Each structure stands twice: as structure tokens, then as C-alpha cells.
N, C-alpha and C. Protein backbone atom coordinates (compact mmCIF):
# COMPACT_ATOMS: atom_id res chain seq x y z
N MET A 1 12.25 -55.17 -145.86
CA MET A 1 11.36 -54.12 -146.00
C MET A 1 11.44 -53.40 -145.08
N TYR A 2 12.01 -52.44 -144.90
CA TYR A 2 11.90 -51.13 -143.97
C TYR A 2 10.77 -50.28 -143.58
N PHE A 3 10.79 -49.96 -142.12
CA PHE A 3 9.03 -49.68 -141.73
C PHE A 3 9.98 -48.59 -141.13
N ILE A 4 9.42 -47.07 -140.52
CA ILE A 4 9.73 -46.42 -139.84
C ILE A 4 8.64 -45.58 -139.52
N VAL A 5 8.94 -45.21 -138.36
CA VAL A 5 7.26 -44.42 -137.92
C VAL A 5 8.04 -43.22 -137.14
N VAL A 6 7.96 -41.53 -137.72
CA VAL A 6 8.85 -40.66 -137.01
C VAL A 6 8.01 -40.05 -136.48
N LYS A 7 8.15 -39.30 -135.44
CA LYS A 7 7.11 -37.97 -134.86
C LYS A 7 7.98 -36.50 -135.35
N PHE A 8 7.58 -35.87 -135.38
CA PHE A 8 7.68 -34.56 -135.88
C PHE A 8 6.79 -33.37 -135.06
N GLN A 9 7.63 -32.31 -133.96
CA GLN A 9 6.70 -31.70 -133.27
C GLN A 9 6.47 -30.46 -133.98
N VAL A 10 5.61 -29.83 -134.27
CA VAL A 10 5.23 -28.73 -135.21
C VAL A 10 4.98 -27.66 -134.20
N LYS A 11 5.83 -26.43 -134.96
CA LYS A 11 5.67 -25.25 -133.84
C LYS A 11 4.12 -24.67 -134.10
N PRO A 12 3.15 -24.08 -132.84
CA PRO A 12 1.82 -23.71 -133.04
C PRO A 12 1.50 -23.05 -134.72
N GLU A 13 2.38 -22.50 -134.17
CA GLU A 13 2.08 -21.52 -135.72
C GLU A 13 1.85 -21.73 -137.17
N PHE A 14 2.65 -23.08 -137.29
CA PHE A 14 2.81 -23.76 -138.48
C PHE A 14 1.67 -24.75 -138.13
N THR A 15 1.18 -26.04 -137.56
CA THR A 15 0.52 -26.75 -137.34
C THR A 15 -0.64 -26.33 -138.26
N GLU A 16 -1.30 -25.59 -139.22
CA GLU A 16 -2.64 -25.62 -140.41
C GLU A 16 -1.42 -25.78 -141.04
N GLN A 17 -0.41 -25.21 -141.73
CA GLN A 17 -0.46 -25.13 -143.37
C GLN A 17 0.99 -25.99 -142.73
N PHE A 18 1.32 -27.43 -142.35
CA PHE A 18 2.84 -28.36 -142.01
C PHE A 18 2.33 -29.16 -143.65
N MET A 19 1.09 -29.52 -143.35
CA MET A 19 0.87 -30.56 -144.45
C MET A 19 1.20 -29.81 -145.89
N GLY A 20 1.01 -28.78 -145.93
CA GLY A 20 1.18 -27.94 -147.21
C GLY A 20 2.63 -27.77 -147.69
N LEU A 21 2.97 -27.66 -146.26
CA LEU A 21 4.76 -27.62 -146.80
C LEU A 21 5.39 -28.80 -147.40
N VAL A 22 5.25 -30.28 -146.79
CA VAL A 22 5.84 -30.83 -147.47
C VAL A 22 4.86 -32.20 -148.36
N THR A 23 4.22 -31.34 -149.32
CA THR A 23 3.15 -32.01 -149.83
C THR A 23 4.29 -32.39 -151.54
N PRO A 24 5.49 -31.10 -151.02
CA PRO A 24 6.40 -31.70 -152.28
C PRO A 24 6.95 -33.19 -152.03
N PHE A 25 7.69 -32.88 -150.79
CA PHE A 25 8.31 -34.55 -149.86
C PHE A 25 7.63 -35.24 -150.40
N THR A 26 6.45 -35.61 -150.00
CA THR A 26 6.02 -36.68 -149.75
C THR A 26 5.19 -37.13 -151.18
N GLU A 27 4.91 -36.18 -152.22
CA GLU A 27 5.17 -36.80 -153.47
C GLU A 27 5.92 -37.60 -154.01
N ALA A 28 6.90 -36.55 -154.26
CA ALA A 28 8.47 -37.22 -154.44
C ALA A 28 9.01 -38.62 -154.20
N THR A 29 8.60 -38.90 -152.45
CA THR A 29 8.89 -39.72 -151.95
C THR A 29 8.24 -40.86 -152.33
N ARG A 30 6.69 -40.92 -152.76
CA ARG A 30 5.24 -42.04 -153.08
C ARG A 30 5.95 -42.07 -154.42
N ALA A 31 6.43 -41.43 -154.77
CA ALA A 31 7.00 -41.82 -156.63
C ALA A 31 8.30 -42.46 -156.60
N GLU A 32 9.60 -42.82 -155.65
CA GLU A 32 10.38 -43.71 -155.52
C GLU A 32 10.21 -44.76 -155.94
N PRO A 33 11.44 -45.33 -156.51
CA PRO A 33 10.69 -46.64 -157.03
C PRO A 33 11.96 -47.39 -155.09
N GLY A 34 10.55 -48.62 -155.03
CA GLY A 34 11.09 -49.33 -153.81
C GLY A 34 10.13 -48.95 -152.96
N ASN A 35 9.27 -47.79 -152.75
CA ASN A 35 8.55 -47.07 -151.84
C ASN A 35 7.24 -47.71 -151.84
N LEU A 36 6.84 -48.26 -150.61
CA LEU A 36 5.84 -49.52 -150.55
C LEU A 36 5.14 -48.35 -149.91
N TRP A 37 4.83 -47.59 -149.15
CA TRP A 37 4.10 -46.84 -148.34
C TRP A 37 4.59 -45.36 -147.61
N PHE A 38 3.97 -44.65 -147.35
CA PHE A 38 4.55 -43.32 -146.53
C PHE A 38 3.56 -42.57 -146.71
N ASP A 39 2.86 -42.21 -145.46
CA ASP A 39 1.81 -41.17 -145.49
C ASP A 39 1.91 -40.76 -143.95
N TRP A 40 1.29 -39.33 -143.63
CA TRP A 40 1.06 -38.83 -142.71
C TRP A 40 0.09 -38.90 -142.08
N SER A 41 0.26 -38.89 -140.40
CA SER A 41 -1.30 -38.65 -139.82
C SER A 41 -1.13 -37.54 -138.57
N ARG A 42 -1.72 -37.12 -138.31
CA ARG A 42 -2.11 -36.42 -136.78
C ARG A 42 -1.80 -37.26 -135.56
N SER A 43 -1.63 -37.08 -134.44
CA SER A 43 -0.64 -37.66 -133.25
C SER A 43 -2.26 -37.60 -132.51
N VAL A 44 -2.53 -38.63 -132.18
CA VAL A 44 -3.70 -38.45 -131.09
C VAL A 44 -3.67 -37.37 -129.66
N GLU A 45 -2.60 -37.77 -129.79
CA GLU A 45 -2.21 -37.26 -128.52
C GLU A 45 -1.90 -35.88 -128.09
N ASP A 46 -1.19 -35.08 -129.36
CA ASP A 46 -1.09 -33.70 -129.45
C ASP A 46 -1.06 -33.54 -130.85
N PRO A 47 -1.74 -31.72 -130.60
CA PRO A 47 -2.49 -31.34 -132.30
C PRO A 47 -1.18 -30.87 -133.01
N ASN A 48 -0.30 -30.81 -132.28
CA ASN A 48 0.97 -30.08 -132.89
C ASN A 48 1.93 -30.91 -133.03
N GLU A 49 1.75 -32.47 -133.33
CA GLU A 49 2.29 -33.03 -133.37
C GLU A 49 1.95 -34.47 -134.94
N PHE A 50 2.73 -34.06 -135.78
CA PHE A 50 2.37 -35.41 -137.14
C PHE A 50 3.75 -36.35 -136.92
N VAL A 51 2.36 -37.82 -137.14
CA VAL A 51 3.30 -39.09 -137.30
C VAL A 51 3.40 -39.44 -139.05
N LEU A 52 4.86 -39.29 -139.31
CA LEU A 52 5.19 -39.92 -140.44
C LEU A 52 5.26 -41.44 -140.60
N ILE A 53 4.75 -41.95 -141.77
CA ILE A 53 4.96 -43.80 -141.45
C ILE A 53 5.60 -44.05 -142.95
N GLU A 54 6.91 -44.49 -142.83
CA GLU A 54 7.24 -44.76 -144.52
C GLU A 54 7.85 -46.34 -143.95
N ALA A 55 7.43 -46.95 -145.55
CA ALA A 55 7.95 -48.64 -145.62
C ALA A 55 8.94 -48.58 -146.76
N PHE A 56 9.72 -49.22 -146.88
CA PHE A 56 10.67 -49.54 -148.49
C PHE A 56 11.09 -50.67 -148.93
N LEU A 57 11.00 -50.95 -149.94
CA LEU A 57 11.08 -52.29 -150.41
C LEU A 57 12.58 -53.12 -149.44
N ASP A 58 13.43 -52.18 -149.03
CA ASP A 58 14.79 -53.06 -148.84
C ASP A 58 16.21 -52.08 -148.85
N ASP A 59 16.80 -52.67 -148.13
CA ASP A 59 18.01 -51.37 -147.96
C ASP A 59 18.38 -50.38 -149.11
N ASP A 60 18.57 -50.79 -150.14
CA ASP A 60 18.76 -49.82 -151.12
C ASP A 60 17.84 -48.78 -151.75
N ALA A 61 16.16 -49.29 -151.67
CA ALA A 61 15.22 -47.85 -151.56
C ALA A 61 15.16 -47.32 -150.70
N ALA A 62 15.66 -47.52 -149.78
CA ALA A 62 15.50 -46.47 -148.16
C ALA A 62 17.18 -45.67 -148.71
N GLY A 63 17.81 -46.28 -148.52
CA GLY A 63 19.21 -45.37 -148.73
C GLY A 63 19.19 -44.49 -149.94
N SER A 64 18.21 -44.98 -151.11
CA SER A 64 18.36 -43.66 -151.84
C SER A 64 17.36 -42.94 -151.63
N HIS A 65 16.40 -43.69 -150.86
CA HIS A 65 15.63 -41.81 -150.47
C HIS A 65 16.27 -41.30 -149.57
N VAL A 66 17.26 -41.78 -148.55
CA VAL A 66 17.88 -40.65 -147.36
C VAL A 66 19.17 -39.66 -148.56
N ASN A 67 19.14 -40.81 -149.29
CA ASN A 67 20.69 -39.39 -150.21
C ASN A 67 19.76 -38.90 -151.13
N SER A 68 18.55 -38.87 -151.20
CA SER A 68 17.42 -38.07 -152.42
C SER A 68 17.69 -36.69 -152.57
N ALA A 69 18.05 -35.79 -153.38
CA ALA A 69 17.27 -34.09 -153.59
C ALA A 69 16.34 -33.73 -152.91
N HIS A 70 15.38 -34.42 -153.25
CA HIS A 70 14.21 -34.08 -152.57
C HIS A 70 14.33 -34.05 -151.15
N PHE A 71 14.91 -35.41 -150.41
CA PHE A 71 14.68 -35.66 -149.08
C PHE A 71 15.43 -34.02 -148.13
N LYS A 72 16.72 -34.07 -148.67
CA LYS A 72 17.27 -32.82 -148.51
C LYS A 72 16.61 -31.86 -148.48
N ALA A 73 15.87 -31.42 -149.75
CA ALA A 73 15.06 -29.89 -149.83
C ALA A 73 13.74 -30.34 -149.22
N GLY A 74 13.81 -31.48 -148.56
CA GLY A 74 11.94 -31.70 -147.72
C GLY A 74 12.55 -31.19 -146.26
N LEU A 75 13.77 -31.57 -146.24
CA LEU A 75 14.04 -31.47 -144.62
C LEU A 75 14.34 -30.05 -144.27
N GLU A 76 14.77 -29.64 -145.00
CA GLU A 76 15.30 -27.76 -145.43
C GLU A 76 13.83 -27.04 -145.15
N SER A 77 12.72 -27.77 -145.99
CA SER A 77 11.39 -26.98 -145.75
C SER A 77 10.69 -27.29 -144.21
N MET A 78 10.93 -27.97 -143.75
CA MET A 78 10.54 -28.50 -143.07
C MET A 78 11.40 -27.53 -141.54
N ARG A 79 12.33 -27.28 -141.62
CA ARG A 79 13.05 -26.98 -140.50
C ARG A 79 12.32 -25.74 -140.08
N PRO A 80 11.41 -25.07 -140.52
CA PRO A 80 11.37 -23.36 -139.84
C PRO A 80 10.40 -23.75 -139.04
N ALA A 81 9.46 -24.78 -139.32
CA ALA A 81 8.27 -25.19 -138.52
C ALA A 81 8.24 -26.16 -137.41
N LEU A 82 9.51 -27.18 -137.42
CA LEU A 82 9.62 -28.02 -136.36
C LEU A 82 9.97 -27.23 -134.92
N VAL A 83 9.59 -27.86 -133.87
CA VAL A 83 10.08 -27.65 -132.73
C VAL A 83 11.49 -27.89 -131.94
N SER A 84 11.61 -29.05 -132.91
CA SER A 84 12.71 -30.24 -132.28
C SER A 84 13.37 -31.26 -133.51
N THR A 85 14.43 -31.77 -133.34
CA THR A 85 14.26 -32.75 -134.27
C THR A 85 13.16 -33.93 -134.27
N PRO A 86 12.88 -34.40 -135.00
CA PRO A 86 12.42 -35.32 -135.41
C PRO A 86 12.68 -36.66 -134.97
N LYS A 87 11.64 -37.23 -134.25
CA LYS A 87 12.47 -38.78 -133.55
C LYS A 87 11.37 -39.78 -133.82
N ILE A 88 12.83 -40.82 -134.21
CA ILE A 88 12.28 -42.12 -135.14
C ILE A 88 11.87 -42.78 -133.66
N VAL A 89 10.16 -43.02 -133.81
CA VAL A 89 9.82 -44.21 -132.79
C VAL A 89 9.79 -45.49 -132.48
N SER A 90 10.08 -45.67 -134.02
CA SER A 90 9.85 -47.46 -134.31
C SER A 90 10.43 -47.42 -135.61
N ARG A 91 10.89 -48.93 -135.59
CA ARG A 91 11.47 -49.32 -136.74
C ARG A 91 11.75 -50.80 -136.46
N LYS A 92 11.07 -51.31 -138.30
CA LYS A 92 11.03 -52.99 -138.07
C LYS A 92 12.15 -52.95 -139.29
N VAL A 93 13.18 -53.97 -138.90
CA VAL A 93 14.00 -54.18 -140.49
C VAL A 93 13.83 -55.39 -140.97
N ASP A 94 13.64 -56.21 -141.74
CA ASP A 94 13.58 -57.29 -142.01
C ASP A 94 14.55 -57.88 -142.84
N GLY A 95 15.89 -58.08 -142.24
CA GLY A 95 17.15 -57.80 -142.57
C GLY A 95 18.14 -57.94 -142.10
N SER A 96 19.24 -57.61 -142.56
CA SER A 96 20.70 -57.75 -141.77
C SER A 96 21.08 -56.33 -141.09
N SER A 97 20.68 -54.98 -140.88
CA SER A 97 20.51 -53.71 -140.11
C SER A 97 20.19 -53.04 -140.46
N TRP A 98 20.09 -52.06 -139.66
CA TRP A 98 19.56 -50.92 -140.23
C TRP A 98 20.20 -49.77 -141.24
N GLY A 99 21.13 -50.00 -141.23
CA GLY A 99 21.86 -49.70 -142.64
C GLY A 99 21.87 -47.97 -142.19
N GLU A 100 21.68 -47.51 -143.83
CA GLU A 100 21.57 -45.94 -143.68
C GLU A 100 20.60 -45.21 -143.02
N MET A 101 19.28 -45.45 -142.84
CA MET A 101 18.60 -44.93 -142.42
C MET A 101 18.75 -44.02 -141.23
N GLY A 102 19.54 -44.32 -139.98
CA GLY A 102 19.67 -43.85 -139.14
C GLY A 102 19.34 -43.32 -138.57
N GLU A 103 19.48 -41.95 -138.09
CA GLU A 103 18.21 -40.72 -137.15
C GLU A 103 18.83 -39.75 -138.52
N LEU A 104 17.38 -39.35 -138.24
CA LEU A 104 17.02 -37.57 -138.84
C LEU A 104 17.74 -36.91 -138.00
N GLN A 105 18.22 -35.56 -138.50
CA GLN A 105 18.51 -34.70 -138.00
C GLN A 105 18.38 -33.43 -138.38
N ILE A 106 17.59 -32.48 -137.52
CA ILE A 106 17.33 -31.10 -137.94
C ILE A 106 17.93 -30.09 -137.08
N GLY A 107 18.26 -29.23 -137.41
CA GLY A 107 18.70 -28.44 -136.44
C GLY A 107 20.19 -27.67 -136.43
């Protein structure tokens, strides 16, 4: 299983509308084969920071996710709202390698 936690620093003027911006991305990801968990929360430390928690069944499911059209479209829809590149702050892989997940790049 791939388990990933990613922090997204959002520009203050986009904070209230951010969840609306990512709704299509969220719904498409939740419908993917091999998606076990995918949800957003607000950081308790910073009201302009959102935290994404995602889990995928295996390497193939995670690879399909990052190579999907909705993943690329989701990143593009988020780009104007973000202060910086999202940071993967935690990951746990039960398997041989981190594989295709790598680091998210916005910029």
C-alpha cells in the first residue's frame, strides 16, 4: 500500500474557494481502481494550508493515479491558488520502492 500525506500552501485569497477548485480532482481520484483513501483537511497550524491524505492499493494503482489525465488537470487547476510546490511530508510504502509517486512539482 502507498500512503502519502501532502501539504498545500494556499494563497490567502484562494483559501475559501480551494476545496471547490479541487472537487473534480478529488472525485475522479476516489473513483480510481486501487484507491483506498483520499481526503483533504485544513492544517491545524495554518489556516492557509491544506493537507491531502491518500492511500493506494499498490504501485500500479499509484502509478496510474499520477499518470492520469485528471491528475494533470488537477495540478493545473491548483496552480494559481498555490504559494509554492506542495510538499510530501509523510509516506509509507509497504513494498520494494517508492516507485513512480516521486515528488509533486508545481511551478
